[in-house]
Amino acid sequence: MNSKTKKLNTFTLSGLIIGPILGSGLILLPPLLYNMVGNFSLIVWAIILSLGFIFALIFGRLAILYPGDGGVSLATKEAMGKKYQLLTSFYLICAVFFGPVAVLIIAAQFIQEYFPSTSLELLAFYIYILTYILLLTKIDFIGKLMLIVSSAITLIFFLSSINILLDVNEFIFSIPSISLKEFGYSLILAFWAIVGWEVIGNYSQEVKETKTLTNAVKISAIIISLVYILTTLAICFGEFPKTDEFKLVWLIEPIFGKSSDIIMASVSMILCVGTLILFVGGVSRLISSLKLVTYTSKHMQNGTPIGALNFLSLIYTTTLFLVYFKYLSLDNLVAFADGFFIANAIIGLITAIILFEKGFLKKCSVLLSILFFCILLFSNIFILCTVLGLFLFTYLKK
């Protein structure tokens, strides 16, 4: 791709990052964690968001050192060799077999009440068709579009959370006791909130200059953390009905009243489509860069990796069929995707340990690789076996 087509600037790249990384996580996780562990979710979020901020800086740095459609896998190739580049790529590709379908199902759940005669899986398929069409457009247009909607959605949650916190008469902070297993499972679920930084590097060829990527990562990480922090504080301390499971729509009702349901459905749809654009677009670029077969390396004139995109589309359609016939559930999809995302992240962190000079980010890479490995141990046994099997195959392969 020549320099004339590198059209993402700091703000449009931030737009491409913020909405997608908030994505389905913002809709799904704060109420889910609160309903599971109550105010203990504040501790879970403090840990995950701290890790996520450092994680973003590390992967942003790797993307700058080794720019290209292959993203961080290019840095892994430099540090550990071609076979480990393939391993980390396969972990990410496996994660994206499951993750986007989970996002499609989440989006479909929020709009299903407006299409009562349509099955959840068919709605999810229609949402993917919309995403596919957007992925065929120029990347700078997607960046501008996501910048506008990310700004609007961020503002909605900022204002709604602050409005609720200002109305709190007394901040009562009580932490329930939970088991180690519950704590570990909470961390695995919350990890979904920081998934996405791994694929930012796949867009490094689309930016005007390297400082654009650095600035966009810092701005995005700060804004994403603030939105999650304010939302979680509002959920934990707001005066909501305590007898029912918390519903995210309660957060925006004081400001938006009767329009809250349709606004929440629209926000959910937009955030989920944004997540899909980031992941599917990023991983299709990765698959294309690996040149596995001639077809998956094909590009359109505007740079869209159409061959890899069509390959992924076939996978998602198949996975949706498995969900429709009850072979897979939403919980399965999230758990499977997170396991592979964490495995991919660990290899990226080991890459950073090898490549970075002594300093803050190198020490953080060591710490994060240990912590992520501990979180990975709470994953589904099937995922752990697959992750280990792929690693052993790579390690023993000559």
Protein backbone atom coordinates (compact mmCIF):
# COMPACT_ATOMS: atom_id res chain seq x y z
CA MET A 1 0.00 0.00 0.00
CA ASN A 2 1.58 3.33 -0.98
CA SER A 3 1.78 6.39 1.27
CA LYS A 4 -1.04 8.18 -0.54
CA THR A 5 -3.56 5.73 0.83
CA LYS A 6 -2.44 6.07 4.48
CA LYS A 7 -5.27 8.31 5.59
CA LEU A 8 -5.88 7.58 9.28
CA ASN A 9 -4.89 10.46 11.57
CA THR A 10 -4.80 10.53 15.40
CA PHE A 11 -8.50 11.29 15.73
CA THR A 12 -9.85 8.89 13.11
CA LEU A 13 -7.60 6.09 14.43
CA SER A 14 -8.84 6.89 17.96
CA GLY A 15 -12.38 6.60 16.62
CA LEU A 16 -11.53 3.24 15.11
CA ILE A 17 -10.11 2.11 18.48
CA ILE A 18 -12.44 3.55 21.16
CA GLY A 19 -15.85 2.38 19.91
CA PRO A 20 -14.72 -1.14 18.98
CA ILE A 21 -12.74 -1.79 22.17
CA LEU A 22 -15.58 -0.45 24.34
CA GLY A 23 -17.85 -2.44 22.02
CA SER A 24 -19.85 -5.34 23.37
CA GLY A 25 -17.72 -5.26 26.55
CA LEU A 26 -19.32 -2.04 27.81
CA ILE A 27 -22.79 -3.41 27.10
CA LEU A 28 -22.20 -6.89 28.53
CA LEU A 29 -19.58 -6.77 31.29
CA PRO A 30 -20.36 -4.06 33.92
CA PRO A 31 -23.89 -5.36 34.63
CA LEU A 32 -22.79 -9.02 34.29
CA LEU A 33 -19.92 -8.66 36.78
CA TYR A 34 -22.03 -6.60 39.19
CA ASN A 35 -24.78 -9.24 39.16
CA MET A 36 -22.13 -11.93 39.79
CA VAL A 37 -19.91 -10.38 42.49
CA GLY A 38 -21.56 -7.08 43.52
CA ASN A 39 -19.22 -4.31 44.65
CA PHE A 40 -16.26 -6.69 44.30
CA SER A 41 -16.52 -5.83 40.60
CA LEU A 42 -14.79 -2.52 41.48
CA ILE A 43 -11.66 -4.47 42.45
CA VAL A 44 -11.91 -6.64 39.32
CA TRP A 45 -12.19 -3.52 37.13
CA ALA A 46 -9.32 -1.77 38.93
CA ILE A 47 -7.08 -4.76 38.13
CA ILE A 48 -8.22 -5.28 34.52
CA LEU A 49 -8.16 -1.59 33.52
CA SER A 50 -4.69 -1.11 35.04
CA LEU A 51 -3.44 -4.14 33.12
CA GLY A 52 -5.27 -2.97 29.99
CA PHE A 53 -3.64 0.48 30.00
CA ILE A 54 -0.13 -0.99 30.19
CA PHE A 55 -1.11 -3.70 27.69
CA ALA A 56 -2.16 -0.99 25.21
CA LEU A 57 1.16 0.85 25.57
CA ILE A 58 3.18 -2.36 25.05
CA PHE A 59 1.30 -3.44 21.92
CA GLY A 60 1.29 0.10 20.57
CA ARG A 61 5.09 0.17 20.94
CA LEU A 62 5.48 -3.19 19.17
CA ALA A 63 3.28 -1.97 16.30
CA ILE A 64 5.50 1.08 15.86
CA LEU A 65 8.71 -0.98 15.89
CA TYR A 66 7.39 -3.44 13.28
CA PRO A 67 4.59 -1.86 11.20
CA GLY A 68 2.64 -3.90 8.65
CA ASP A 69 -0.60 -5.77 8.01
CA GLY A 70 0.79 -8.67 10.06
CA GLY A 71 0.67 -6.48 13.17
CA VAL A 72 2.46 -7.71 16.29
CA SER A 73 3.11 -11.09 14.64
CA LEU A 74 5.84 -9.29 12.63
CA ALA A 75 7.61 -8.42 15.88
CA THR A 76 7.22 -12.02 17.04
CA LYS A 77 8.83 -13.22 13.81
CA GLU A 78 11.81 -10.92 14.45
CA ALA A 79 12.17 -11.99 18.10
CA MET A 80 11.33 -15.71 18.01
CA GLY A 81 11.24 -16.84 14.38
CA LYS A 82 8.70 -17.62 11.67
CA LYS A 83 7.08 -20.60 13.42
CA TYR A 84 6.18 -18.56 16.51
CA GLN A 85 4.81 -15.84 14.24
CA LEU A 86 2.49 -18.50 12.81
CA LEU A 87 1.60 -19.73 16.33
CA THR A 88 0.54 -16.28 17.60
CA SER A 89 -1.30 -15.67 14.32
CA PHE A 90 -3.19 -18.96 14.68
CA TYR A 91 -4.12 -18.13 18.30
CA LEU A 92 -5.56 -14.80 17.14
CA ILE A 93 -7.32 -16.38 14.15
CA CYS A 94 -8.82 -19.09 16.42
CA ALA A 95 -10.04 -16.39 18.84
CA VAL A 96 -11.67 -14.54 15.97
CA PHE A 97 -13.47 -17.73 14.87
CA PHE A 98 -15.52 -17.41 18.08
CA GLY A 99 -15.33 -13.81 19.37
CA PRO A 100 -17.13 -11.97 16.54
CA VAL A 101 -19.99 -14.47 16.59
CA ALA A 102 -20.42 -13.77 20.33
CA VAL A 103 -20.53 -10.05 19.50
CA LEU A 104 -23.14 -10.70 16.76
CA ILE A 105 -25.34 -12.63 19.22
CA ILE A 106 -25.03 -9.86 21.85
CA ALA A 107 -26.04 -7.22 19.29
CA ALA A 108 -28.96 -9.35 18.11
CA GLN A 109 -30.22 -9.80 21.69
CA PHE A 110 -30.54 -6.04 22.14
CA ILE A 111 -32.60 -5.50 18.98
CA GLN A 112 -34.62 -8.74 18.95
CA GLU A 113 -37.63 -7.17 20.68
CA TYR A 114 -38.06 -4.99 17.58
CA PHE A 115 -37.99 -8.07 15.31
CA PRO A 116 -39.95 -10.66 17.35
CA SER A 117 -40.61 -13.01 14.43
CA THR A 118 -36.92 -13.29 13.43
CA SER A 119 -34.61 -15.80 15.12
CA LEU A 120 -31.61 -14.53 17.08
CA GLU A 121 -29.15 -16.27 14.76
CA LEU A 122 -30.75 -14.85 11.59
CA LEU A 123 -30.68 -11.34 13.09
CA ALA A 124 -26.99 -11.89 13.89
CA PHE A 125 -26.41 -12.91 10.27
CA TYR A 126 -28.10 -9.72 8.99
CA ILE A 127 -25.90 -7.64 11.32
CA TYR A 128 -22.84 -9.37 9.88
CA ILE A 129 -23.98 -8.52 6.33
CA LEU A 130 -24.08 -4.85 7.38
CA THR A 131 -20.58 -5.18 8.89
CA TYR A 132 -19.29 -6.90 5.74
CA ILE A 133 -20.53 -4.02 3.56
CA LEU A 134 -18.83 -1.48 5.85
CA LEU A 135 -15.59 -3.47 5.68
CA LEU A 136 -15.60 -3.08 1.88
CA THR A 137 -15.46 0.72 2.21
CA LYS A 138 -12.28 2.78 2.57
CA ILE A 139 -10.60 2.53 5.99
CA ASP A 140 -10.45 6.33 6.46
CA PHE A 141 -14.25 6.54 6.00
CA ILE A 142 -14.76 3.84 8.66
CA GLY A 143 -12.39 5.73 10.99
CA LYS A 144 -14.35 8.98 10.57
CA LEU A 145 -17.69 7.21 11.02
CA MET A 146 -16.52 5.44 14.20
CA LEU A 147 -15.02 8.70 15.54
CA ILE A 148 -18.47 10.36 15.35
CA VAL A 149 -20.42 7.48 16.90
CA SER A 150 -17.70 6.71 19.51
CA SER A 151 -17.78 10.34 20.64
CA ALA A 152 -21.58 10.32 20.92
CA ILE A 153 -21.70 7.01 22.82
CA THR A 154 -18.84 8.01 25.14
CA LEU A 155 -20.71 11.24 25.93
CA ILE A 156 -23.94 9.34 26.68
CA PHE A 157 -22.24 7.06 29.24
CA PHE A 158 -20.12 9.88 30.71
CA LEU A 159 -23.13 12.15 31.33
CA SER A 160 -25.43 9.34 32.49
CA SER A 161 -22.87 7.97 34.99
CA ILE A 162 -21.94 11.40 36.38
CA ASN A 163 -25.65 12.32 36.68
CA ILE A 164 -26.30 9.19 38.78
CA LEU A 165 -23.19 9.69 40.95
CA LEU A 166 -24.18 13.33 41.68
CA ASP A 167 -27.56 12.09 42.98
CA VAL A 168 -26.05 9.55 45.42
CA ASN A 169 -26.77 10.60 49.02
CA GLU A 170 -24.29 8.25 50.70
CA PHE A 171 -21.43 6.21 49.26
CA ILE A 172 -21.54 2.89 51.13
CA PHE A 173 -18.61 0.67 50.16
CA SER A 174 -18.96 -2.96 51.22
CA ILE A 175 -16.99 -5.75 49.55
CA PRO A 176 -18.58 -9.23 49.52
CA SER A 177 -16.34 -12.24 50.05
CA ILE A 178 -15.91 -14.46 46.97
CA SER A 179 -14.01 -17.67 46.26
CA LEU A 180 -10.76 -17.85 44.31
CA LYS A 181 -12.62 -19.65 41.50
CA GLU A 182 -15.21 -16.84 41.28
CA PHE A 183 -12.43 -14.25 41.30
CA GLY A 184 -10.54 -16.03 38.51
CA TYR A 185 -13.69 -16.44 36.42
CA SER A 186 -14.50 -12.73 36.92
CA LEU A 187 -11.05 -11.79 35.63
CA ILE A 188 -11.48 -14.01 32.54
CA LEU A 189 -14.83 -12.37 31.75
CA ALA A 190 -13.44 -8.87 32.38
CA PHE A 191 -10.48 -9.62 30.08
CA TRP A 192 -12.99 -9.21 27.23
CA ALA A 193 -12.83 -5.46 28.00
CA ILE A 194 -9.17 -5.14 26.99
CA VAL A 195 -9.29 -7.49 24.02
CA GLY A 196 -8.61 -5.52 20.86
CA TRP A 197 -5.26 -3.89 21.51
CA GLU A 198 -3.62 -6.96 19.92
CA VAL A 199 -5.01 -6.09 16.48
CA ILE A 200 -4.20 -2.35 16.49
CA GLY A 201 -0.84 -3.18 14.90
CA ASN A 202 -2.64 -4.64 11.88
CA TYR A 203 -3.66 -1.07 10.99
CA SER A 204 -0.13 0.39 11.29
CA GLN A 205 0.19 0.58 7.50
CA GLU A 206 -2.92 2.77 7.38
CA VAL A 207 -1.55 5.67 9.48
CA LYS A 208 0.16 8.84 8.30
CA GLU A 209 3.14 8.62 10.69
CA THR A 210 4.25 6.56 13.70
CA LYS A 211 3.44 9.20 16.32
CA THR A 212 -0.18 9.01 15.11
CA LEU A 213 -0.37 5.44 16.44
CA THR A 214 1.30 6.35 19.76
CA ASN A 215 -0.99 9.32 20.40
CA ALA A 216 -4.13 7.43 19.35
CA VAL A 217 -3.32 4.50 21.69
CA LYS A 218 -2.74 6.85 24.68
CA ILE A 219 -5.88 8.93 24.05
CA SER A 220 -8.01 5.84 23.46
CA ALA A 221 -6.72 3.99 26.56
CA ILE A 222 -7.46 6.98 28.81
CA ILE A 223 -10.99 7.52 27.44
CA ILE A 224 -11.87 3.78 27.52
CA SER A 225 -10.68 3.49 31.14
CA LEU A 226 -12.66 6.57 32.22
CA VAL A 227 -15.87 5.30 30.63
CA TYR A 228 -15.55 1.90 32.36
CA ILE A 229 -14.62 3.47 35.72
CA LEU A 230 -17.53 5.93 35.73
CA THR A 231 -20.00 3.29 34.51
CA THR A 232 -18.91 0.79 37.19
CA LEU A 233 -19.02 3.42 39.98
CA ALA A 234 -22.50 4.47 38.90
CA ILE A 235 -23.70 0.83 38.89
CA CYS A 236 -22.18 0.07 42.31
CA PHE A 237 -23.27 3.25 44.12
CA GLY A 238 -26.36 4.36 42.19
CA GLU A 239 -29.78 4.04 43.79
CA PHE A 240 -31.31 1.25 41.72
CA PRO A 241 -33.77 -1.55 42.62
CA LYS A 242 -31.74 -4.11 44.59
CA THR A 243 -34.23 -6.97 44.19
CA ASP A 244 -33.69 -7.45 40.43
CA GLU A 245 -30.61 -8.10 38.34
CA PHE A 246 -29.09 -4.81 37.24
CA LYS A 247 -29.97 -3.69 33.70
CA LEU A 248 -27.71 -1.25 31.86
CA VAL A 249 -30.68 0.72 30.53
CA TRP A 250 -31.29 1.94 34.12
CA LEU A 251 -28.08 3.93 33.80
CA ILE A 252 -29.40 6.23 31.06
CA GLU A 253 -33.10 6.38 32.08
CA PRO A 254 -32.78 9.45 34.37
CA ILE A 255 -31.63 11.55 31.38
CA PHE A 256 -33.32 9.90 28.40
CA GLY A 257 -36.57 8.68 29.97
CA LYS A 258 -38.90 6.80 27.61
CA SER A 259 -36.34 6.92 24.80
CA SER A 260 -33.85 4.89 26.85
CA ASP A 261 -34.71 1.46 25.40
CA ILE A 262 -34.34 2.50 21.77
CA ILE A 263 -31.16 4.49 22.55
CA MET A 264 -29.63 1.48 24.36
CA ALA A 265 -30.55 -0.83 21.48
CA SER A 266 -28.99 1.60 18.97
CA VAL A 267 -25.85 2.11 21.08
CA SER A 268 -25.45 -1.66 21.52
CA MET A 269 -25.81 -2.26 17.80
CA ILE A 270 -23.28 0.46 16.89
CA LEU A 271 -20.71 -0.63 19.49
CA CYS A 272 -20.97 -4.28 18.46
CA VAL A 273 -20.61 -3.46 14.74
CA GLY A 274 -17.62 -1.28 15.63
CA THR A 275 -16.01 -4.20 17.47
CA LEU A 276 -16.59 -6.43 14.47
CA ILE A 277 -15.02 -3.88 12.11
CA LEU A 278 -11.88 -3.70 14.27
CA PHE A 279 -11.45 -7.46 14.74
CA VAL A 280 -12.60 -8.83 11.42
CA GLY A 281 -10.78 -6.08 9.52
CA GLY A 282 -7.59 -6.53 11.55
CA VAL A 283 -7.49 -10.32 11.39
CA SER A 284 -8.37 -10.41 7.68
CA ARG A 285 -5.29 -8.21 7.15
CA LEU A 286 -3.25 -10.64 9.26
CA ILE A 287 -4.46 -13.70 7.30
CA SER A 288 -3.74 -11.90 4.04
CA SER A 289 -0.18 -11.03 5.17
CA LEU A 290 0.58 -14.70 5.98
CA LYS A 291 0.05 -15.66 2.29
CA LEU A 292 -1.29 -19.09 3.30
CA VAL A 293 -2.98 -19.63 -0.07
CA THR A 294 -3.37 -17.44 -3.15
CA TYR A 295 -7.07 -16.71 -2.54
CA THR A 296 -6.70 -15.38 1.03
CA SER A 297 -4.01 -12.94 -0.18
CA LYS A 298 -6.31 -11.19 -2.69
CA HIS A 299 -7.02 -7.47 -2.19
CA MET A 300 -9.51 -5.00 -3.64
CA GLN A 301 -8.26 -1.75 -5.23
CA ASN A 302 -8.98 0.19 -2.01
CA GLY A 303 -6.75 -2.21 -0.01
CA THR A 304 -9.51 -4.38 1.53
CA PRO A 305 -8.21 -7.98 1.90
CA ILE A 306 -11.27 -9.49 0.21
CA GLY A 307 -10.02 -13.11 0.04
CA ALA A 308 -9.31 -13.35 3.78
CA LEU A 309 -12.53 -11.47 4.56
CA ASN A 310 -14.60 -13.98 2.57
CA PHE A 311 -12.79 -16.88 4.29
CA LEU A 312 -13.68 -15.45 7.74
CA SER A 313 -17.26 -14.84 6.59
CA LEU A 314 -17.62 -18.54 5.79
CA ILE A 315 -16.33 -19.42 9.27
CA TYR A 316 -18.82 -17.06 10.98
CA THR A 317 -21.74 -18.43 9.00
CA THR A 318 -20.76 -21.97 10.02
CA THR A 319 -20.39 -20.96 13.68
CA LEU A 320 -23.80 -19.25 13.63
CA PHE A 321 -25.29 -22.54 12.37
CA LEU A 322 -23.65 -24.34 15.34
CA VAL A 323 -25.23 -21.77 17.71
CA TYR A 324 -28.60 -22.18 15.99
CA PHE A 325 -28.51 -25.94 16.49
CA LYS A 326 -27.42 -25.48 20.16
CA TYR A 327 -23.94 -26.96 19.74
CA LEU A 328 -22.46 -23.68 21.00
CA SER A 329 -23.78 -21.03 23.43
CA LEU A 330 -22.85 -17.38 24.05
CA ASP A 331 -20.91 -18.38 27.19
CA ASN A 332 -18.94 -20.96 25.17
CA LEU A 333 -18.11 -18.40 22.49
CA VAL A 334 -16.84 -15.78 24.97
CA ALA A 335 -14.84 -18.33 26.99
CA PHE A 336 -13.27 -19.92 23.88
CA ALA A 337 -12.38 -16.55 22.35
CA ASP A 338 -10.90 -15.19 25.59
CA GLY A 339 -8.70 -18.26 26.05
CA PHE A 340 -7.14 -17.82 22.60
CA PHE A 341 -6.90 -14.03 23.02
CA ILE A 342 -4.98 -14.48 26.28
CA ALA A 343 -2.64 -17.07 24.69
CA ASN A 344 -1.99 -14.67 21.81
CA ALA A 345 -1.39 -11.81 24.25
CA ILE A 346 1.15 -13.88 26.24
CA ILE A 347 3.25 -14.51 23.12
CA GLY A 348 3.06 -10.79 22.30
CA LEU A 349 4.30 -9.97 25.80
CA ILE A 350 7.16 -12.49 25.52
CA THR A 351 8.03 -10.81 22.21
CA ALA A 352 8.15 -7.46 24.02
CA ILE A 353 10.42 -8.91 26.75
CA ILE A 354 12.89 -10.05 24.07
CA LEU A 355 12.81 -6.89 21.95
CA PHE A 356 12.49 -4.03 24.45
CA GLU A 357 15.52 -2.42 26.04
CA LYS A 358 15.65 -2.31 29.85
CA GLY A 359 12.97 -0.01 31.19
CA PHE A 360 9.38 0.39 32.39
CA LEU A 361 7.65 -1.38 29.48
CA LYS A 362 10.02 -4.37 29.62
CA LYS A 363 9.34 -4.86 33.37
CA CYS A 364 5.61 -4.48 32.76
CA SER A 365 5.78 -7.08 29.98
CA VAL A 366 7.30 -9.60 32.42
CA LEU A 367 4.66 -8.85 35.05
CA LEU A 368 1.75 -9.00 32.59
CA SER A 369 2.93 -12.26 30.99
CA ILE A 370 2.90 -13.92 34.46
CA LEU A 371 -0.51 -12.47 35.38
CA PHE A 372 -2.08 -13.36 32.02
CA PHE A 373 -0.76 -16.92 32.32
CA CYS A 374 -2.43 -17.20 35.75
CA ILE A 375 -5.72 -15.89 34.28
CA LEU A 376 -5.42 -18.37 31.39
CA LEU A 377 -5.35 -21.27 33.88
CA PHE A 378 -8.98 -20.50 34.77
CA SER A 379 -10.03 -21.15 31.15
CA ASN A 380 -12.09 -24.04 29.79
CA ILE A 381 -10.09 -27.32 29.76
CA PHE A 382 -10.79 -27.79 26.03
CA ILE A 383 -9.23 -24.38 25.28
CA LEU A 384 -6.23 -25.08 27.50
CA CYS A 385 -5.63 -28.39 25.69
CA THR A 386 -5.94 -26.70 22.26
CA VAL A 387 -3.60 -23.86 23.26
CA LEU A 388 -1.07 -26.35 24.64
CA GLY A 389 -1.43 -28.64 21.62
CA LEU A 390 -0.76 -25.80 19.16
CA PHE A 391 2.25 -24.70 21.24
CA LEU A 392 3.75 -28.22 21.37
CA PHE A 393 3.16 -28.68 17.63
CA THR A 394 4.99 -25.39 16.96
CA TYR A 395 7.79 -26.12 19.44
CA LEU A 396 8.48 -29.59 18.00
CA LYS A 397 8.07 -28.55 14.35
CA LYS A 398 11.39 -28.15 12.55
